[in-house]
Full PDB file with SEQRES, HELIX, SHEET, SSBOND, CRYST1, ORIGX, SCALE, CONECT and MASTER records, all heavy atoms in Angstrom:
SEQRES   1 A   35  LEU LEU LEU SER ALA SER SER ALA VAL HIS SER SER GLU          
SEQRES   2 A   35  ARG LEU LEU GLN PRO ILE ALA PRO ASN SER ARG GLN GLY          
SEQRES   3 A   35  LEU PRO GLY PRO ALA GLN ARG PRO LEU                          
HELIX    1 AA1 LEU A    3  ALA A    8  5                                   6    
CRYST1    1.000    1.000    1.000  90.00  90.00  90.00 P 1           1          
ORIGX1      1.000000  0.000000  0.000000        0.00000                         
ORIGX2      0.000000  1.000000  0.000000        0.00000                         
ORIGX3      0.000000  0.000000  1.000000        0.00000                         
SCALE1      1.000000  0.000000  0.000000        0.00000                         
SCALE2      0.000000  1.000000  0.000000        0.00000                         
SCALE3      0.000000  0.000000  1.000000        0.00000                         
ATOM      1  N   LEU A   1     -11.123 -32.430  48.495  1.00  0.00           N  
ATOM      2  CA  LEU A   1     -10.465 -33.628  49.034  1.00  0.00           C  
ATOM      3  C   LEU A   1     -11.355 -34.868  48.888  1.00  0.00           C  
ATOM      4  O   LEU A   1     -10.948 -35.914  48.517  1.00  0.00           O  
ATOM      5  CB  LEU A   1     -10.100 -33.396  50.521  1.00  0.00           C  
ATOM      6  CG  LEU A   1      -9.350 -34.592  51.181  1.00  0.00           C  
ATOM      7  CD1 LEU A   1      -8.139 -34.994  50.396  1.00  0.00           C  
ATOM      8  CD2 LEU A   1      -8.981 -34.180  52.595  1.00  0.00           C  
ATOM      9  N   LEU A   2     -12.691 -34.696  49.060  1.00  0.00           N  
ATOM     10  CA  LEU A   2     -13.599 -35.779  48.949  1.00  0.00           C  
ATOM     11  C   LEU A   2     -13.666 -36.224  47.509  1.00  0.00           C  
ATOM     12  O   LEU A   2     -13.666 -37.477  47.188  1.00  0.00           O  
ATOM     13  CB  LEU A   2     -14.993 -35.381  49.414  1.00  0.00           C  
ATOM     14  CG  LEU A   2     -15.097 -35.041  50.915  1.00  0.00           C  
ATOM     15  CD1 LEU A   2     -16.534 -34.626  51.233  1.00  0.00           C  
ATOM     16  CD2 LEU A   2     -14.707 -36.269  51.721  1.00  0.00           C  
ATOM     17  N   LEU A   3     -13.683 -35.332  46.549  1.00  0.00           N  
ATOM     18  CA  LEU A   3     -13.728 -35.682  45.152  1.00  0.00           C  
ATOM     19  C   LEU A   3     -12.499 -36.401  44.680  1.00  0.00           C  
ATOM     20  O   LEU A   3     -12.496 -37.387  43.932  1.00  0.00           O  
ATOM     21  CB  LEU A   3     -13.922 -34.445  44.263  1.00  0.00           C  
ATOM     22  CG  LEU A   3     -15.325 -33.820  44.353  1.00  0.00           C  
ATOM     23  CD1 LEU A   3     -15.351 -32.512  43.565  1.00  0.00           C  
ATOM     24  CD2 LEU A   3     -16.429 -34.741  43.867  1.00  0.00           C  
ATOM     25  N   SER A   4     -11.341 -36.016  45.275  1.00  0.00           N  
ATOM     26  CA  SER A   4     -10.061 -36.629  44.883  1.00  0.00           C  
ATOM     27  C   SER A   4     -10.000 -38.096  45.352  1.00  0.00           C  
ATOM     28  O   SER A   4      -9.154 -38.810  44.839  1.00  0.00           O  
ATOM     29  CB  SER A   4      -8.906 -35.828  45.452  1.00  0.00           C  
ATOM     30  OG  SER A   4      -8.872 -35.988  46.867  1.00  0.00           O  
ATOM     31  N   ALA A   5     -10.832 -38.414  46.366  1.00  0.00           N  
ATOM     32  CA  ALA A   5     -10.751 -39.824  46.880  1.00  0.00           C  
ATOM     33  C   ALA A   5     -12.052 -40.504  46.681  1.00  0.00           C  
ATOM     34  O   ALA A   5     -12.380 -41.470  47.369  1.00  0.00           O  
ATOM     35  CB  ALA A   5     -10.438 -39.717  48.375  1.00  0.00           C  
ATOM     36  N   SER A   6     -12.847 -40.122  45.599  1.00  0.00           N  
ATOM     37  CA  SER A   6     -14.168 -40.665  45.461  1.00  0.00           C  
ATOM     38  C   SER A   6     -14.174 -42.174  45.273  1.00  0.00           C  
ATOM     39  O   SER A   6     -15.085 -42.857  45.593  1.00  0.00           O  
ATOM     40  CB  SER A   6     -14.852 -39.991  44.236  1.00  0.00           C  
ATOM     41  OG  SER A   6     -14.075 -40.236  43.075  1.00  0.00           O  
ATOM     42  N   SER A   7     -13.118 -42.738  44.717  1.00  0.00           N  
ATOM     43  CA  SER A   7     -13.068 -44.156  44.528  1.00  0.00           C  
ATOM     44  C   SER A   7     -13.007 -44.953  45.797  1.00  0.00           C  
ATOM     45  O   SER A   7     -13.287 -46.122  45.839  1.00  0.00           O  
ATOM     46  CB  SER A   7     -11.861 -44.549  43.683  1.00  0.00           C  
ATOM     47  OG  SER A   7     -10.667 -44.184  44.311  1.00  0.00           O  
ATOM     48  N   ALA A   8     -12.654 -44.292  46.905  1.00  0.00           N  
ATOM     49  CA  ALA A   8     -12.451 -44.980  48.155  1.00  0.00           C  
ATOM     50  C   ALA A   8     -13.613 -44.864  49.103  1.00  0.00           C  
ATOM     51  O   ALA A   8     -13.707 -45.561  50.068  1.00  0.00           O  
ATOM     52  CB  ALA A   8     -11.218 -44.510  48.891  1.00  0.00           C  
ATOM     53  N   VAL A   9     -14.576 -43.932  48.810  1.00  0.00           N  
ATOM     54  CA  VAL A   9     -15.574 -43.601  49.780  1.00  0.00           C  
ATOM     55  C   VAL A   9     -16.960 -44.118  49.499  1.00  0.00           C  
ATOM     56  O   VAL A   9     -17.890 -43.868  50.241  1.00  0.00           O  
ATOM     57  CB  VAL A   9     -15.631 -42.102  50.029  1.00  0.00           C  
ATOM     58  CG1 VAL A   9     -14.328 -41.571  50.514  1.00  0.00           C  
ATOM     59  CG2 VAL A   9     -16.058 -41.410  48.775  1.00  0.00           C  
ATOM     60  N   HIS A  10     -17.101 -44.907  48.419  1.00  0.00           N  
ATOM     61  CA  HIS A  10     -18.474 -45.383  48.152  1.00  0.00           C  
ATOM     62  C   HIS A  10     -18.686 -46.811  48.603  1.00  0.00           C  
ATOM     63  O   HIS A  10     -19.768 -47.424  48.436  1.00  0.00           O  
ATOM     64  CB  HIS A  10     -18.747 -45.347  46.604  1.00  0.00           C  
ATOM     65  CG  HIS A  10     -18.740 -43.925  46.108  1.00  0.00           C  
ATOM     66  ND1 HIS A  10     -19.751 -43.016  46.490  1.00  0.00           N  
ATOM     67  CD2 HIS A  10     -17.955 -43.165  45.332  1.00  0.00           C  
ATOM     68  CE1 HIS A  10     -19.522 -41.854  45.924  1.00  0.00           C  
ATOM     69  NE2 HIS A  10     -18.451 -41.940  45.240  1.00  0.00           N  
ATOM     70  N   SER A  11     -17.690 -47.447  49.213  1.00  0.00           N  
ATOM     71  CA  SER A  11     -17.830 -48.797  49.697  1.00  0.00           C  
ATOM     72  C   SER A  11     -18.707 -48.792  50.963  1.00  0.00           C  
ATOM     73  O   SER A  11     -18.774 -47.857  51.695  1.00  0.00           O  
ATOM     74  CB  SER A  11     -16.445 -49.360  50.133  1.00  0.00           C  
ATOM     75  OG  SER A  11     -16.599 -50.533  50.884  1.00  0.00           O  
ATOM     76  N   SER A  12     -19.448 -49.886  51.138  1.00  0.00           N  
ATOM     77  CA  SER A  12     -20.291 -50.028  52.291  1.00  0.00           C  
ATOM     78  C   SER A  12     -19.614 -50.779  53.445  1.00  0.00           C  
ATOM     79  O   SER A  12     -20.242 -51.082  54.444  1.00  0.00           O  
ATOM     80  CB  SER A  12     -21.568 -50.798  51.973  1.00  0.00           C  
ATOM     81  OG  SER A  12     -21.229 -52.106  51.489  1.00  0.00           O  
ATOM     82  N   GLU A  13     -18.333 -51.035  53.293  1.00  0.00           N  
ATOM     83  CA  GLU A  13     -17.595 -51.793  54.328  1.00  0.00           C  
ATOM     84  C   GLU A  13     -17.443 -50.955  55.553  1.00  0.00           C  
ATOM     85  O   GLU A  13     -17.433 -49.778  55.557  1.00  0.00           O  
ATOM     86  CB  GLU A  13     -16.173 -52.078  53.812  1.00  0.00           C  
ATOM     87  CG  GLU A  13     -16.098 -53.001  52.606  1.00  0.00           C  
ATOM     88  CD  GLU A  13     -14.688 -53.191  52.126  1.00  0.00           C  
ATOM     89  OE1 GLU A  13     -13.819 -53.515  52.989  1.00  0.00           O  
ATOM     90  OE2 GLU A  13     -14.412 -53.026  50.946  1.00  0.00           O  
ATOM     91  N   ARG A  14     -17.378 -51.738  56.696  1.00  0.00           N  
ATOM     92  CA  ARG A  14     -17.026 -51.093  57.978  1.00  0.00           C  
ATOM     93  C   ARG A  14     -15.478 -51.035  58.098  1.00  0.00           C  
ATOM     94  O   ARG A  14     -14.780 -51.506  57.248  1.00  0.00           O  
ATOM     95  CB  ARG A  14     -17.611 -51.905  59.124  1.00  0.00           C  
ATOM     96  CG  ARG A  14     -19.134 -51.839  59.181  1.00  0.00           C  
ATOM     97  CD  ARG A  14     -19.616 -50.593  59.890  1.00  0.00           C  
ATOM     98  NE  ARG A  14     -21.046 -50.488  59.953  1.00  0.00           N  
ATOM     99  CZ  ARG A  14     -21.771 -50.946  60.965  1.00  0.00           C  
ATOM    100  NH1 ARG A  14     -21.169 -51.563  61.932  1.00  0.00           N  
ATOM    101  NH2 ARG A  14     -23.084 -50.777  60.990  1.00  0.00           N  
ATOM    102  N   LEU A  15     -15.040 -50.446  59.197  1.00  0.00           N  
ATOM    103  CA  LEU A  15     -13.568 -50.373  59.404  1.00  0.00           C  
ATOM    104  C   LEU A  15     -12.972 -51.752  59.368  1.00  0.00           C  
ATOM    105  O   LEU A  15     -13.591 -52.711  59.793  1.00  0.00           O  
ATOM    106  CB  LEU A  15     -13.329 -49.722  60.795  1.00  0.00           C  
ATOM    107  CG  LEU A  15     -11.945 -49.340  61.132  1.00  0.00           C  
ATOM    108  CD1 LEU A  15     -11.416 -48.294  60.163  1.00  0.00           C  
ATOM    109  CD2 LEU A  15     -11.894 -48.766  62.540  1.00  0.00           C  
ATOM    110  N   LEU A  16     -11.786 -51.849  58.812  1.00  0.00           N  
ATOM    111  CA  LEU A  16     -11.123 -53.123  58.658  1.00  0.00           C  
ATOM    112  C   LEU A  16     -11.036 -53.877  60.001  1.00  0.00           C  
ATOM    113  O   LEU A  16     -10.819 -53.258  61.002  1.00  0.00           O  
ATOM    114  CB  LEU A  16      -9.677 -52.886  58.122  1.00  0.00           C  
ATOM    115  CG  LEU A  16      -9.570 -52.211  56.789  1.00  0.00           C  
ATOM    116  CD1 LEU A  16      -8.161 -51.929  56.459  1.00  0.00           C  
ATOM    117  CD2 LEU A  16     -10.245 -53.031  55.716  1.00  0.00           C  
ATOM    118  N   GLN A  17     -11.264 -55.157  59.954  1.00  0.00           N  
ATOM    119  CA  GLN A  17     -11.220 -55.928  61.170  1.00  0.00           C  
ATOM    120  C   GLN A  17      -9.810 -55.998  61.724  1.00  0.00           C  
ATOM    121  O   GLN A  17      -8.830 -55.881  60.981  1.00  0.00           O  
ATOM    122  CB  GLN A  17     -11.687 -57.388  60.848  1.00  0.00           C  
ATOM    123  CG  GLN A  17     -13.190 -57.497  60.620  1.00  0.00           C  
ATOM    124  CD  GLN A  17     -14.023 -56.961  61.822  1.00  0.00           C  
ATOM    125  OE1 GLN A  17     -13.800 -57.416  62.934  1.00  0.00           O  
ATOM    126  NE2 GLN A  17     -14.880 -56.044  61.555  1.00  0.00           N  
ATOM    127  N   PRO A  18      -9.631 -56.153  63.022  1.00  0.00           N  
ATOM    128  CA  PRO A  18      -8.284 -56.198  63.611  1.00  0.00           C  
ATOM    129  C   PRO A  18      -7.422 -57.307  63.021  1.00  0.00           C  
ATOM    130  O   PRO A  18      -7.926 -58.406  62.675  1.00  0.00           O  
ATOM    131  CB  PRO A  18      -8.559 -56.414  65.099  1.00  0.00           C  
ATOM    132  CG  PRO A  18      -9.968 -56.082  65.307  1.00  0.00           C  
ATOM    133  CD  PRO A  18     -10.670 -56.339  64.005  1.00  0.00           C  
ATOM    134  N   ILE A  19      -6.145 -57.042  62.911  1.00  0.00           N  
ATOM    135  CA  ILE A  19      -5.227 -58.070  62.480  1.00  0.00           C  
ATOM    136  C   ILE A  19      -5.122 -59.116  63.521  1.00  0.00           C  
ATOM    137  O   ILE A  19      -5.177 -58.840  64.735  1.00  0.00           O  
ATOM    138  CB  ILE A  19      -3.842 -57.411  62.205  1.00  0.00           C  
ATOM    139  CG1 ILE A  19      -3.950 -56.349  61.140  1.00  0.00           C  
ATOM    140  CG2 ILE A  19      -2.826 -58.470  61.791  1.00  0.00           C  
ATOM    141  CD1 ILE A  19      -2.774 -55.523  60.916  1.00  0.00           C  
ATOM    142  N   ALA A  20      -5.016 -60.371  63.141  1.00  0.00           N  
ATOM    143  CA  ALA A  20      -4.971 -61.482  64.100  1.00  0.00           C  
ATOM    144  C   ALA A  20      -3.790 -61.267  65.092  1.00  0.00           C  
ATOM    145  O   ALA A  20      -2.749 -60.694  64.713  1.00  0.00           O  
ATOM    146  CB  ALA A  20      -4.792 -62.811  63.372  1.00  0.00           C  
ATOM    147  N   PRO A  21      -3.921 -61.738  66.302  1.00  0.00           N  
ATOM    148  CA  PRO A  21      -2.872 -61.532  67.329  1.00  0.00           C  
ATOM    149  C   PRO A  21      -1.478 -62.000  66.958  1.00  0.00           C  
ATOM    150  O   PRO A  21      -0.464 -61.443  67.381  1.00  0.00           O  
ATOM    151  CB  PRO A  21      -3.397 -62.308  68.546  1.00  0.00           C  
ATOM    152  CG  PRO A  21      -4.921 -62.301  68.358  1.00  0.00           C  
ATOM    153  CD  PRO A  21      -5.090 -62.404  66.861  1.00  0.00           C  
ATOM    154  N   ASN A  22      -1.370 -63.034  66.100  1.00  0.00           N  
ATOM    155  CA  ASN A  22      -0.047 -63.559  65.694  1.00  0.00           C  
ATOM    156  C   ASN A  22       0.557 -62.791  64.565  1.00  0.00           C  
ATOM    157  O   ASN A  22       1.576 -63.113  64.062  1.00  0.00           O  
ATOM    158  CB  ASN A  22      -0.150 -65.034  65.339  1.00  0.00           C  
ATOM    159  CG  ASN A  22      -1.045 -65.305  64.128  1.00  0.00           C  
ATOM    160  OD1 ASN A  22      -1.751 -64.394  63.684  1.00  0.00           O  
ATOM    161  ND2 ASN A  22      -1.065 -66.524  63.643  1.00  0.00           N  
ATOM    162  N   SER A  23      -0.080 -61.712  64.105  1.00  0.00           N  
ATOM    163  CA  SER A  23       0.475 -60.863  63.074  1.00  0.00           C  
ATOM    164  C   SER A  23       0.050 -59.423  63.317  1.00  0.00           C  
ATOM    165  O   SER A  23      -0.888 -58.888  62.755  1.00  0.00           O  
ATOM    166  CB  SER A  23      -0.080 -61.288  61.725  1.00  0.00           C  
ATOM    167  OG  SER A  23       0.401 -60.458  60.684  1.00  0.00           O  
ATOM    168  N   ARG A  24       0.826 -58.787  64.217  1.00  0.00           N  
ATOM    169  CA  ARG A  24       0.416 -57.477  64.715  1.00  0.00           C  
ATOM    170  C   ARG A  24       1.185 -56.343  64.049  1.00  0.00           C  
ATOM    171  O   ARG A  24       1.320 -55.247  64.559  1.00  0.00           O  
ATOM    172  CB  ARG A  24       0.665 -57.425  66.263  1.00  0.00           C  
ATOM    173  CG  ARG A  24      -0.353 -58.219  67.036  1.00  0.00           C  
ATOM    174  CD  ARG A  24       0.055 -58.219  68.484  1.00  0.00           C  
ATOM    175  NE  ARG A  24       0.305 -56.853  69.007  1.00  0.00           N  
ATOM    176  CZ  ARG A  24      -0.648 -56.065  69.431  1.00  0.00           C  
ATOM    177  NH1 ARG A  24      -1.885 -56.445  69.412  1.00  0.00           N  
ATOM    178  NH2 ARG A  24      -0.317 -54.824  69.899  1.00  0.00           N  
ATOM    179  N   GLN A  25       1.619 -56.552  62.814  1.00  0.00           N  
ATOM    180  CA  GLN A  25       2.414 -55.480  62.115  1.00  0.00           C  
ATOM    181  C   GLN A  25       1.570 -54.179  62.129  1.00  0.00           C  
ATOM    182  O   GLN A  25       0.445 -54.173  61.701  1.00  0.00           O  
ATOM    183  CB  GLN A  25       2.696 -55.901  60.714  1.00  0.00           C  
ATOM    184  CG  GLN A  25       3.512 -54.804  59.948  1.00  0.00           C  
ATOM    185  CD  GLN A  25       3.926 -55.298  58.596  1.00  0.00           C  
ATOM    186  OE1 GLN A  25       3.829 -56.471  58.327  1.00  0.00           O  
ATOM    187  NE2 GLN A  25       4.379 -54.381  57.772  1.00  0.00           N  
ATOM    188  N   GLY A  26       2.191 -53.123  62.572  1.00  0.00           N  
ATOM    189  CA  GLY A  26       1.601 -51.804  62.520  1.00  0.00           C  
ATOM    190  C   GLY A  26       0.778 -51.454  63.740  1.00  0.00           C  
ATOM    191  O   GLY A  26       0.317 -50.314  63.825  1.00  0.00           O  
ATOM    192  N   LEU A  27       0.549 -52.351  64.667  1.00  0.00           N  
ATOM    193  CA  LEU A  27      -0.176 -52.012  65.882  1.00  0.00           C  
ATOM    194  C   LEU A  27       0.780 -51.926  67.026  1.00  0.00           C  
ATOM    195  O   LEU A  27       1.266 -52.937  67.505  1.00  0.00           O  
ATOM    196  CB  LEU A  27      -1.255 -53.097  66.207  1.00  0.00           C  
ATOM    197  CG  LEU A  27      -2.434 -53.097  65.218  1.00  0.00           C  
ATOM    198  CD1 LEU A  27      -3.374 -54.237  65.576  1.00  0.00           C  
ATOM    199  CD2 LEU A  27      -3.163 -51.785  65.230  1.00  0.00           C  
ATOM    200  N   PRO A  28       1.161 -50.664  67.472  1.00  0.00           N  
ATOM    201  CA  PRO A  28       2.187 -50.532  68.478  1.00  0.00           C  
ATOM    202  C   PRO A  28       1.704 -51.092  69.839  1.00  0.00           C  
ATOM    203  O   PRO A  28       0.637 -50.780  70.303  1.00  0.00           O  
ATOM    204  CB  PRO A  28       2.340 -49.044  68.562  1.00  0.00           C  
ATOM    205  CG  PRO A  28       1.082 -48.472  68.060  1.00  0.00           C  
ATOM    206  CD  PRO A  28       0.579 -49.418  67.015  1.00  0.00           C  
ATOM    207  N   GLY A  29       2.543 -51.915  70.429  1.00  0.00           N  
ATOM    208  CA  GLY A  29       2.273 -52.524  71.707  1.00  0.00           C  
ATOM    209  C   GLY A  29       3.009 -51.771  72.779  1.00  0.00           C  
ATOM    210  O   GLY A  29       3.919 -50.991  72.536  1.00  0.00           O  
ATOM    211  N   PRO A  30       2.720 -52.072  74.069  1.00  0.00           N  
ATOM    212  CA  PRO A  30       3.383 -51.366  75.161  1.00  0.00           C  
ATOM    213  C   PRO A  30       4.894 -51.543  75.227  1.00  0.00           C  
ATOM    214  O   PRO A  30       5.588 -50.743  75.753  1.00  0.00           O  
ATOM    215  CB  PRO A  30       2.654 -51.930  76.426  1.00  0.00           C  
ATOM    216  CG  PRO A  30       2.043 -53.231  75.966  1.00  0.00           C  
ATOM    217  CD  PRO A  30       1.748 -53.029  74.526  1.00  0.00           C  
ATOM    218  N   ALA A  31       5.325 -52.682  74.670  1.00  0.00           N  
ATOM    219  CA  ALA A  31       6.787 -52.957  74.749  1.00  0.00           C  
ATOM    220  C   ALA A  31       7.570 -52.387  73.575  1.00  0.00           C  
ATOM    221  O   ALA A  31       8.806 -52.415  73.594  1.00  0.00           O  
ATOM    222  CB  ALA A  31       7.028 -54.453  74.852  1.00  0.00           C  
ATOM    223  N   GLN A  32       6.878 -51.883  72.571  1.00  0.00           N  
ATOM    224  CA  GLN A  32       7.605 -51.395  71.397  1.00  0.00           C  
ATOM    225  C   GLN A  32       8.349 -50.146  71.685  1.00  0.00           C  
ATOM    226  O   GLN A  32       7.836 -49.230  72.283  1.00  0.00           O  
ATOM    227  CB  GLN A  32       6.613 -51.131  70.234  1.00  0.00           C  
ATOM    228  CG  GLN A  32       7.323 -50.715  68.979  1.00  0.00           C  
ATOM    229  CD  GLN A  32       6.336 -50.427  67.839  1.00  0.00           C  
ATOM    230  OE1 GLN A  32       5.174 -50.858  67.869  1.00  0.00           O  
ATOM    231  NE2 GLN A  32       6.754 -49.690  66.785  1.00  0.00           N  
ATOM    232  N   ARG A  33       9.574 -50.090  71.251  1.00  0.00           N  
ATOM    233  CA  ARG A  33      10.408 -48.936  71.378  1.00  0.00           C  
ATOM    234  C   ARG A  33      10.356 -48.066  70.110  1.00  0.00           C  
ATOM    235  O   ARG A  33      10.151 -48.624  69.017  1.00  0.00           O  
ATOM    236  CB  ARG A  33      11.881 -49.320  71.668  1.00  0.00           C  
ATOM    237  CG  ARG A  33      12.099 -49.977  73.004  1.00  0.00           C  
ATOM    238  CD  ARG A  33      13.567 -50.043  73.297  1.00  0.00           C  
ATOM    239  NE  ARG A  33      14.346 -50.793  72.270  1.00  0.00           N  
ATOM    240  CZ  ARG A  33      14.508 -52.114  72.309  1.00  0.00           C  
ATOM    241  NH1 ARG A  33      13.930 -52.834  73.205  1.00  0.00           N  
ATOM    242  NH2 ARG A  33      15.162 -52.685  71.330  1.00  0.00           N  
ATOM    243  N   PRO A  34      10.457 -46.739  70.240  1.00  0.00           N  
ATOM    244  CA  PRO A  34      10.504 -45.920  69.011  1.00  0.00           C  
ATOM    245  C   PRO A  34      11.553 -46.321  68.080  1.00  0.00           C  
ATOM    246  O   PRO A  34      12.715 -46.689  68.488  1.00  0.00           O  
ATOM    247  CB  PRO A  34      10.775 -44.512  69.557  1.00  0.00           C  
ATOM    248  CG  PRO A  34      10.252 -44.598  71.028  1.00  0.00           C  
ATOM    249  CD  PRO A  34      10.571 -45.991  71.456  1.00  0.00           C  
ATOM    250  N   LEU A  35      11.242 -46.238  66.784  1.00  0.00           N  
ATOM    251  CA  LEU A  35      12.160 -46.758  65.763  1.00  0.00           C  
ATOM    252  C   LEU A  35      13.105 -45.726  65.181  1.00  0.00           C  
ATOM    253  O   LEU A  35      14.023 -46.068  64.421  1.00  0.00           O  
ATOM    254  CB  LEU A  35      11.358 -47.405  64.606  1.00  0.00           C  
ATOM    255  CG  LEU A  35      10.470 -48.559  64.940  1.00  0.00           C  
ATOM    256  CD1 LEU A  35       9.752 -49.070  63.708  1.00  0.00           C  
ATOM    257  CD2 LEU A  35      11.292 -49.681  65.581  1.00  0.00           C  
TER     258      LEU A  35                                                      
MASTER        0    0    0    1    0    0    0    6  257    1    0    3          
END                                                                             
C-alpha cells in the first residue's frame, strides 16, 4: 500500500490547514442533517 502511494508520501507538508469559516464544505457541523 505504501509503494502504491509513494508519490503522495514524500512531501514535507503538514496536515492541510483548516478551510476558512466562510467555506466549510466537507466539515460537518452540529446542524447538518444526514444526506
